Amino acid sequence: MIQGWISVHRKFMGHWLYVAKPYDTCHAWLDILLSVNHEDRKVLFDGKLLPVKAGQMITSLSKLSERWGWGSRMKIKRFLELLQSDGMVDLERYNYGTLLTVANWELYQCHDTQMLQARYTGVTETNTNNKDNNVNNENKGNKKGRTSARFEPPSVDEVKAYCEERNNGIDPEAFIAFYASKGWKVGNQQMKDWKQSVITWEKRRKVPQKNEEPYNVFLAMARDEGIIK
């Protein structure tokens, strides 16, 4: 069984590979994962303001048929019912449309790297704490008395506030997704100061031209980080 996971930024939805139609079933499922809300908010749908939670979206057979280029609403209906029968989504039909809920949404979009580590590698918080205690004990026995603080990944709100303070135009969700996928490492070293990494992004950030896709910005950053050549 293949293990591990990757982060896919929602800006990928504008890439030419993504928008090509018609979608196959795998493409359609990926579109659902990228289209549902990433946080609770209200959505305007056919003139009505409706509350929609994270992992949910309000849609209709006709809208999905047009979006995916399938042409047949019955094909959409059968596909959604297939996902529902496999426990992948929940469907609630109303007069205004269908409320689609992705099952186990947190498994797809969780930014808590400690939780992900525990879930996918079997390393528990207790084991992590024990490891930290061992490090602390070693530090206490060090004659020089040196201590090292364990790095804590920032939240999206923290990165957003810092980027707004510096007015650098950096997407905080892209920043989080990029380093979370690397285990919060800079090159081969564990990140020590995320604010310094934000400043580094400012220096390396390539402003896209009018005819350039935002995806290329992430490619440039990945090259700078040594992930790709």
C-alpha atoms as a PDB file:
ATOM      1  CA  MET A   1       0.000   0.000   0.000  1.00  0.00           C
ATOM      2  CA  ILE A   2       1.335   3.432  -0.964  1.00  0.00           C
ATOM      3  CA  GLN A   3       1.790   5.721   2.052  1.00  0.00           C
ATOM      4  CA  GLY A   4       2.544   9.387   2.565  1.00  0.00           C
ATOM      5  CA  TRP A   5       0.811  12.528   1.360  1.00  0.00           C
ATOM      6  CA  ILE A   6       1.392  15.735  -0.591  1.00  0.00           C
ATOM      7  CA  SER A   7      -0.088  19.221  -0.383  1.00  0.00           C
ATOM      8  CA  VAL A   8      -1.855  20.524  -3.488  1.00  0.00           C
ATOM      9  CA  HIS A   9      -2.387  24.276  -3.490  1.00  0.00           C
ATOM     10  CA  ARG A  10      -5.722  25.548  -4.792  1.00  0.00           C
ATOM     11  CA  LYS A  11      -3.918  27.742  -7.314  1.00  0.00           C
ATOM     12  CA  PHE A  12      -3.280  24.530  -9.232  1.00  0.00           C
ATOM     13  CA  MET A  13      -6.941  24.759 -10.286  1.00  0.00           C
ATOM     14  CA  GLY A  14      -5.924  27.506 -12.722  1.00  0.00           C
ATOM     15  CA  HIS A  15      -3.205  25.428 -14.402  1.00  0.00           C
ATOM     16  CA  TRP A  16      -3.769  24.323 -18.005  1.00  0.00           C
ATOM     17  CA  LEU A  17      -3.435  20.659 -16.991  1.00  0.00           C
ATOM     18  CA  TYR A  18      -6.277  21.084 -14.524  1.00  0.00           C
ATOM     19  CA  VAL A  19      -8.805  22.963 -16.641  1.00  0.00           C
ATOM     20  CA  ALA A  20      -8.672  20.528 -19.603  1.00  0.00           C
ATOM     21  CA  LYS A  21     -12.067  18.853 -20.126  1.00  0.00           C
ATOM     22  CA  PRO A  22     -13.786  16.503 -19.851  1.00  0.00           C
ATOM     23  CA  TYR A  23     -12.634  15.400 -16.397  1.00  0.00           C
ATOM     24  CA  ASP A  24     -12.124  11.726 -15.625  1.00  0.00           C
ATOM     25  CA  THR A  25     -13.455  10.371 -12.319  1.00  0.00           C
ATOM     26  CA  CYS A  26     -10.126  10.870 -10.505  1.00  0.00           C
ATOM     27  CA  HIS A  27      -9.961  14.471 -11.750  1.00  0.00           C
ATOM     28  CA  ALA A  28     -13.556  15.023 -10.621  1.00  0.00           C
ATOM     29  CA  TRP A  29     -12.779  13.726  -7.110  1.00  0.00           C
ATOM     30  CA  LEU A  30      -9.722  15.983  -6.871  1.00  0.00           C
ATOM     31  CA  ASP A  31     -11.904  18.896  -7.961  1.00  0.00           C
ATOM     32  CA  ILE A  32     -14.318  18.158  -5.120  1.00  0.00           C
ATOM     33  CA  LEU A  33     -11.459  18.133  -2.570  1.00  0.00           C
ATOM     34  CA  LEU A  34     -10.132  21.458  -3.862  1.00  0.00           C
ATOM     35  CA  SER A  35     -13.562  23.098  -4.204  1.00  0.00           C
ATOM     36  CA  VAL A  36     -15.088  22.471  -0.777  1.00  0.00           C
ATOM     37  CA  ASN A  37     -14.654  25.116   1.920  1.00  0.00           C
ATOM     38  CA  HIS A  38     -11.384  25.097   3.855  1.00  0.00           C
ATOM     39  CA  GLU A  39     -13.123  26.943   6.719  1.00  0.00           C
ATOM     40  CA  ASP A  40     -16.652  27.667   7.912  1.00  0.00           C
ATOM     41  CA  ARG A  41     -18.254  30.554   6.029  1.00  0.00           C
ATOM     42  CA  LYS A  42     -21.402  31.734   4.311  1.00  0.00           C
ATOM     43  CA  VAL A  43     -21.866  31.112   0.590  1.00  0.00           C
ATOM     44  CA  LEU A  44     -24.070  32.942  -1.899  1.00  0.00           C
ATOM     45  CA  PHE A  45     -25.824  30.302  -4.005  1.00  0.00           C
ATOM     46  CA  ASP A  46     -28.535  31.214  -6.522  1.00  0.00           C
ATOM     47  CA  GLY A  47     -29.271  34.429  -4.649  1.00  0.00           C
ATOM     48  CA  LYS A  48     -29.377  32.820  -1.196  1.00  0.00           C
ATOM     49  CA  LEU A  49     -26.804  33.304   1.571  1.00  0.00           C
ATOM     50  CA  LEU A  50     -26.229  29.894   3.157  1.00  0.00           C
ATOM     51  CA  PRO A  51     -23.904  28.708   5.971  1.00  0.00           C
ATOM     52  CA  VAL A  52     -21.437  26.079   4.754  1.00  0.00           C
ATOM     53  CA  LYS A  53     -18.885  24.363   6.992  1.00  0.00           C
ATOM     54  CA  ALA A  54     -15.295  23.362   6.235  1.00  0.00           C
ATOM     55  CA  GLY A  55     -15.247  20.301   3.973  1.00  0.00           C
ATOM     56  CA  GLN A  56     -18.625  21.171   2.467  1.00  0.00           C
ATOM     57  CA  MET A  57     -19.924  22.857  -0.657  1.00  0.00           C
ATOM     58  CA  ILE A  58     -23.308  23.614  -2.151  1.00  0.00           C
ATOM     59  CA  THR A  59     -23.645  22.620  -5.787  1.00  0.00           C
ATOM     60  CA  SER A  60     -26.023  21.041  -8.271  1.00  0.00           C
ATOM     61  CA  LEU A  61     -25.947  18.350 -10.945  1.00  0.00           C
ATOM     62  CA  SER A  62     -26.162  20.939 -13.712  1.00  0.00           C
ATOM     63  CA  LYS A  63     -23.307  23.026 -12.287  1.00  0.00           C
ATOM     64  CA  LEU A  64     -21.039  20.002 -11.906  1.00  0.00           C
ATOM     65  CA  SER A  65     -21.948  18.737 -15.351  1.00  0.00           C
ATOM     66  CA  GLU A  66     -20.927  22.054 -16.866  1.00  0.00           C
ATOM     67  CA  ARG A  67     -17.796  22.336 -14.704  1.00  0.00           C
ATOM     68  CA  TRP A  68     -16.530  18.841 -15.446  1.00  0.00           C
ATOM     69  CA  GLY A  69     -17.634  18.792 -19.071  1.00  0.00           C
ATOM     70  CA  TRP A  70     -19.616  15.579 -18.676  1.00  0.00           C
ATOM     71  CA  GLY A  71     -22.782  16.739 -20.420  1.00  0.00           C
ATOM     72  CA  SER A  72     -25.077  14.306 -18.603  1.00  0.00           C
ATOM     73  CA  ARG A  73     -26.598  15.100 -15.211  1.00  0.00           C
ATOM     74  CA  MET A  74     -27.409  11.421 -14.748  1.00  0.00           C
ATOM     75  CA  LYS A  75     -23.694  10.600 -15.046  1.00  0.00           C
ATOM     76  CA  ILE A  76     -22.968  13.152 -12.324  1.00  0.00           C
ATOM     77  CA  LYS A  77     -25.737  11.702 -10.143  1.00  0.00           C
ATOM     78  CA  ARG A  78     -24.419   8.141 -10.502  1.00  0.00           C
ATOM     79  CA  PHE A  79     -20.851   9.268  -9.712  1.00  0.00           C
ATOM     80  CA  LEU A  80     -21.871  11.152  -6.562  1.00  0.00           C
ATOM     81  CA  GLU A  81     -23.947   8.214  -5.391  1.00  0.00           C
ATOM     82  CA  LEU A  82     -20.953   5.939  -5.988  1.00  0.00           C
ATOM     83  CA  LEU A  83     -18.798   8.192  -3.778  1.00  0.00           C
ATOM     84  CA  GLN A  84     -21.515   8.178  -1.161  1.00  0.00           C
ATOM     85  CA  SER A  85     -21.823   4.383  -1.202  1.00  0.00           C
ATOM     86  CA  ASP A  86     -18.055   4.131  -0.606  1.00  0.00           C
ATOM     87  CA  GLY A  87     -18.250   6.487   2.390  1.00  0.00           C
ATOM     88  CA  MET A  88     -16.281   9.246   0.677  1.00  0.00           C
ATOM     89  CA  VAL A  89     -19.008  11.917   0.740  1.00  0.00           C
ATOM     90  CA  ASP A  90     -22.382  12.653   2.301  1.00  0.00           C
ATOM     91  CA  LEU A  91     -25.134  14.179   0.165  1.00  0.00           C
ATOM     92  CA  GLU A  92     -28.086  16.229   1.381  1.00  0.00           C
ATOM     93  CA  ARG A  93     -30.497  17.407  -1.302  1.00  0.00           C
ATOM     94  CA  TYR A  94     -32.541  20.588  -0.924  1.00  0.00           C
ATOM     95  CA  ASN A  95     -34.698  22.693  -3.217  1.00  0.00           C
ATOM     96  CA  TYR A  96     -31.815  25.089  -3.801  1.00  0.00           C
ATOM     97  CA  GLY A  97     -29.229  22.384  -4.567  1.00  0.00           C
ATOM     98  CA  THR A  98     -27.098  19.632  -3.031  1.00  0.00           C
ATOM     99  CA  LEU A  99     -25.003  20.021   0.116  1.00  0.00           C
ATOM    100  CA  LEU A 100     -21.921  17.841  -0.404  1.00  0.00           C
ATOM    101  CA  THR A 101     -19.760  16.950   2.609  1.00  0.00           C
ATOM    102  CA  VAL A 102     -16.370  15.261   2.239  1.00  0.00           C
ATOM    103  CA  ALA A 103     -16.055  12.500   4.836  1.00  0.00           C
ATOM    104  CA  ASN A 104     -13.013  12.739   7.158  1.00  0.00           C
ATOM    105  CA  TRP A 105     -12.134  16.154   5.726  1.00  0.00           C
ATOM    106  CA  GLU A 106      -9.378  16.733   8.297  1.00  0.00           C
ATOM    107  CA  LEU A 107      -7.374  13.857   6.792  1.00  0.00           C
ATOM    108  CA  TYR A 108      -6.980  15.818   3.567  1.00  0.00           C
ATOM    109  CA  GLN A 109      -6.301  19.353   4.802  1.00  0.00           C
ATOM    110  CA  CYS A 110      -4.914  19.122   8.362  1.00  0.00           C
ATOM    111  CA  HIS A 111      -2.078  21.609   8.967  1.00  0.00           C
ATOM    112  CA  ASP A 112      -1.159  20.086  12.337  1.00  0.00           C
ATOM    113  CA  THR A 113       2.098  18.379  11.417  1.00  0.00           C
ATOM    114  CA  GLN A 114       2.338  16.669  14.809  1.00  0.00           C
ATOM    115  CA  MET A 115      -1.097  15.120  14.288  1.00  0.00           C
ATOM    116  CA  LEU A 116      -0.152  14.023  10.782  1.00  0.00           C
ATOM    117  CA  GLN A 117       3.084  12.519  12.053  1.00  0.00           C
ATOM    118  CA  ALA A 118       1.221  10.543  14.691  1.00  0.00           C
ATOM    119  CA  ARG A 119      -1.450   9.411  12.232  1.00  0.00           C
ATOM    120  CA  TYR A 120       0.802   8.319   9.386  1.00  0.00           C
ATOM    121  CA  THR A 121       4.065   7.299  11.068  1.00  0.00           C
ATOM    122  CA  GLY A 122       2.837   5.981  14.401  1.00  0.00           C
ATOM    123  CA  VAL A 123       4.901   8.519  16.359  1.00  0.00           C
ATOM    124  CA  THR A 124       2.715   9.652  19.236  1.00  0.00           C
ATOM    125  CA  GLU A 125       2.763  12.865  21.208  1.00  0.00           C
ATOM    126  CA  THR A 126       3.954  10.860  24.222  1.00  0.00           C
ATOM    127  CA  ASN A 127       6.971   9.612  22.274  1.00  0.00           C
ATOM    128  CA  THR A 128       7.691  13.139  21.128  1.00  0.00           C
ATOM    129  CA  ASN A 129       7.472  14.453  24.680  1.00  0.00           C
ATOM    130  CA  ASN A 130       9.789  11.700  25.902  1.00  0.00           C
ATOM    131  CA  LYS A 131      12.279  12.661  23.246  1.00  0.00           C
ATOM    132  CA  ASP A 132      12.036  16.304  24.269  1.00  0.00           C
ATOM    133  CA  ASN A 133      12.542  15.347  27.928  1.00  0.00           C
ATOM    134  CA  ASN A 134      15.667  13.427  26.998  1.00  0.00           C
ATOM    135  CA  VAL A 135      16.997  16.465  25.157  1.00  0.00           C
ATOM    136  CA  ASN A 136      16.207  18.678  28.131  1.00  0.00           C
ATOM    137  CA  ASN A 137      18.017  16.288  30.472  1.00  0.00           C
ATOM    138  CA  GLU A 138      21.059  16.371  28.219  1.00  0.00           C
ATOM    139  CA  ASN A 139      20.959  20.156  28.243  1.00  0.00           C
ATOM    140  CA  LYS A 140      20.800  20.201  32.047  1.00  0.00           C
ATOM    141  CA  GLY A 141      23.916  18.045  32.179  1.00  0.00           C
ATOM    142  CA  ASN A 142      25.767  20.319  29.801  1.00  0.00           C
ATOM    143  CA  LYS A 143      28.405  22.294  31.714  1.00  0.00           C
ATOM    144  CA  LYS A 144      27.829  25.326  29.512  1.00  0.00           C
ATOM    145  CA  GLY A 145      24.128  25.257  30.365  1.00  0.00           C
ATOM    146  CA  ARG A 146      23.036  25.787  26.772  1.00  0.00           C
ATOM    147  CA  THR A 147      19.365  25.135  25.912  1.00  0.00           C
ATOM    148  CA  SER A 148      17.582  24.930  22.569  1.00  0.00           C
ATOM    149  CA  ALA A 149      13.926  25.748  21.967  1.00  0.00           C
ATOM    150  CA  ARG A 150      11.914  23.294  19.897  1.00  0.00           C
ATOM    151  CA  PHE A 151      10.569  24.833  16.685  1.00  0.00           C
ATOM    152  CA  GLU A 152       6.801  25.271  16.587  1.00  0.00           C
ATOM    153  CA  PRO A 153       5.217  25.664  13.103  1.00  0.00           C
ATOM    154  CA  PRO A 154       3.209  28.888  12.796  1.00  0.00           C
ATOM    155  CA  SER A 155      -0.505  29.018  12.084  1.00  0.00           C
ATOM    156  CA  VAL A 156      -1.947  30.484   8.895  1.00  0.00           C
ATOM    157  CA  ASP A 157      -3.193  33.479  10.903  1.00  0.00           C
ATOM    158  CA  GLU A 158       0.286  34.131  12.330  1.00  0.00           C
ATOM    159  CA  VAL A 159       1.905  34.048   8.875  1.00  0.00           C
ATOM    160  CA  LYS A 160      -0.903  36.182   7.454  1.00  0.00           C
ATOM    161  CA  ALA A 161      -0.473  38.841  10.160  1.00  0.00           C
ATOM    162  CA  TYR A 162       3.310  38.947   9.673  1.00  0.00           C
ATOM    163  CA  CYS A 163       3.018  39.167   5.873  1.00  0.00           C
ATOM    164  CA  GLU A 164       0.431  41.935   6.151  1.00  0.00           C
ATOM    165  CA  GLU A 165       2.722  43.763   8.574  1.00  0.00           C
ATOM    166  CA  ARG A 166       5.545  43.587   6.016  1.00  0.00           C
ATOM    167  CA  ASN A 167       3.148  44.163   3.086  1.00  0.00           C
ATOM    168  CA  ASN A 168       5.023  41.578   1.021  1.00  0.00           C
ATOM    169  CA  GLY A 169       2.096  40.024  -0.866  1.00  0.00           C
ATOM    170  CA  ILE A 170       3.064  36.467   0.133  1.00  0.00           C
ATOM    171  CA  ASP A 171       0.202  33.963   0.301  1.00  0.00           C
ATOM    172  CA  PRO A 172       0.236  32.600   3.896  1.00  0.00           C
ATOM    173  CA  GLU A 173      -1.553  29.363   2.921  1.00  0.00           C
ATOM    174  CA  ALA A 174       1.014  28.738   0.178  1.00  0.00           C
ATOM    175  CA  PHE A 175       3.837  29.366   2.670  1.00  0.00           C
ATOM    176  CA  ILE A 176       2.343  26.926   5.200  1.00  0.00           C
ATOM    177  CA  ALA A 177       1.604  24.246   2.575  1.00  0.00           C
ATOM    178  CA  PHE A 178       5.095  24.547   1.062  1.00  0.00           C
ATOM    179  CA  TYR A 179       7.045  24.024   4.296  1.00  0.00           C
ATOM    180  CA  ALA A 180       4.580  21.551   5.825  1.00  0.00           C
ATOM    181  CA  SER A 181       5.169  19.296   2.817  1.00  0.00           C
ATOM    182  CA  LYS A 182       8.924  19.453   3.591  1.00  0.00           C
ATOM    183  CA  GLY A 183       8.536  18.736   7.299  1.00  0.00           C
ATOM    184  CA  TRP A 184       9.380  22.378   8.071  1.00  0.00           C
ATOM    185  CA  LYS A 185      12.929  22.064   6.837  1.00  0.00           C
ATOM    186  CA  VAL A 186      15.067  24.592   4.997  1.00  0.00           C
ATOM    187  CA  GLY A 187      17.249  22.527   2.716  1.00  0.00           C
ATOM    188  CA  ASN A 188      18.273  19.600   4.918  1.00  0.00           C
ATOM    189  CA  GLN A 189      18.090  21.524   8.199  1.00  0.00           C
ATOM    190  CA  GLN A 190      15.144  21.927  10.557  1.00  0.00           C
ATOM    191  CA  MET A 191      13.644  25.417  10.334  1.00  0.00           C
ATOM    192  CA  LYS A 192      14.513  27.573  13.351  1.00  0.00           C
ATOM    193  CA  ASP A 193      12.839  30.903  12.537  1.00  0.00           C
ATOM    194  CA  TRP A 194       9.833  30.953  10.198  1.00  0.00           C
ATOM    195  CA  LYS A 195       9.840  34.758  10.073  1.00  0.00           C
ATOM    196  CA  GLN A 196      13.324  34.661   8.592  1.00  0.00           C
ATOM    197  CA  SER A 197      12.016  32.238   5.954  1.00  0.00           C
ATOM    198  CA  VAL A 198       9.262  34.727   5.114  1.00  0.00           C
ATOM    199  CA  ILE A 199      11.925  37.394   4.597  1.00  0.00           C
ATOM    200  CA  THR A 200      13.857  34.966   2.398  1.00  0.00           C
ATOM    201  CA  TRP A 201      10.717  34.426   0.315  1.00  0.00           C
ATOM    202  CA  GLU A 202      10.469  38.193  -0.107  1.00  0.00           C
ATOM    203  CA  LYS A 203      13.968  38.284  -1.564  1.00  0.00           C
ATOM    204  CA  ARG A 204      13.467  35.255  -3.805  1.00  0.00           C
ATOM    205  CA  ARG A 205       9.861  35.919  -4.705  1.00  0.00           C
ATOM    206  CA  LYS A 206       9.358  36.222  -8.439  1.00  0.00           C
ATOM    207  CA  VAL A 207       6.506  38.537  -9.400  1.00  0.00           C
ATOM    208  CA  PRO A 208       4.539  36.867 -12.251  1.00  0.00           C
ATOM    209  CA  GLN A 209       4.079  38.778 -15.483  1.00  0.00           C
ATOM    210  CA  LYS A 210       0.655  39.218 -17.073  1.00  0.00           C
ATOM    211  CA  ASN A 211       1.098  36.209 -19.316  1.00  0.00           C
ATOM    212  CA  GLU A 212       2.688  33.995 -16.645  1.00  0.00           C
ATOM    213  CA  GLU A 213       0.807  31.504 -14.523  1.00  0.00           C
ATOM    214  CA  PRO A 214       1.069  31.742 -10.699  1.00  0.00           C
ATOM    215  CA  TYR A 215       2.139  28.078 -10.687  1.00  0.00           C
ATOM    216  CA  ASN A 216       5.521  29.164 -12.070  1.00  0.00           C
ATOM    217  CA  VAL A 217       6.146  31.219  -8.942  1.00  0.00           C
ATOM    218  CA  PHE A 218       5.990  28.054  -6.850  1.00  0.00           C
ATOM    219  CA  LEU A 219       8.311  26.274  -9.271  1.00  0.00           C
ATOM    220  CA  ALA A 220      10.845  29.070  -8.851  1.00  0.00           C
ATOM    221  CA  MET A 221      10.607  28.866  -5.069  1.00  0.00           C
ATOM    222  CA  ALA A 222      10.994  25.092  -5.172  1.00  0.00           C
ATOM    223  CA  ARG A 223      14.151  25.472  -7.269  1.00  0.00           C
ATOM    224  CA  ASP A 224      15.536  27.986  -4.780  1.00  0.00           C
ATOM    225  CA  GLU A 225      14.887  25.542  -1.931  1.00  0.00           C
ATOM    226  CA  GLY A 226      16.705  22.770  -3.788  1.00  0.00           C
ATOM    227  CA  ILE A 227      13.602  20.565  -4.083  1.00  0.00           C
ATOM    228  CA  ILE A 228      13.766  20.446  -7.875  1.00  0.00           C
ATOM    229  CA  LYS A 229      16.407  21.374 -10.396  1.00  0.00           C
END
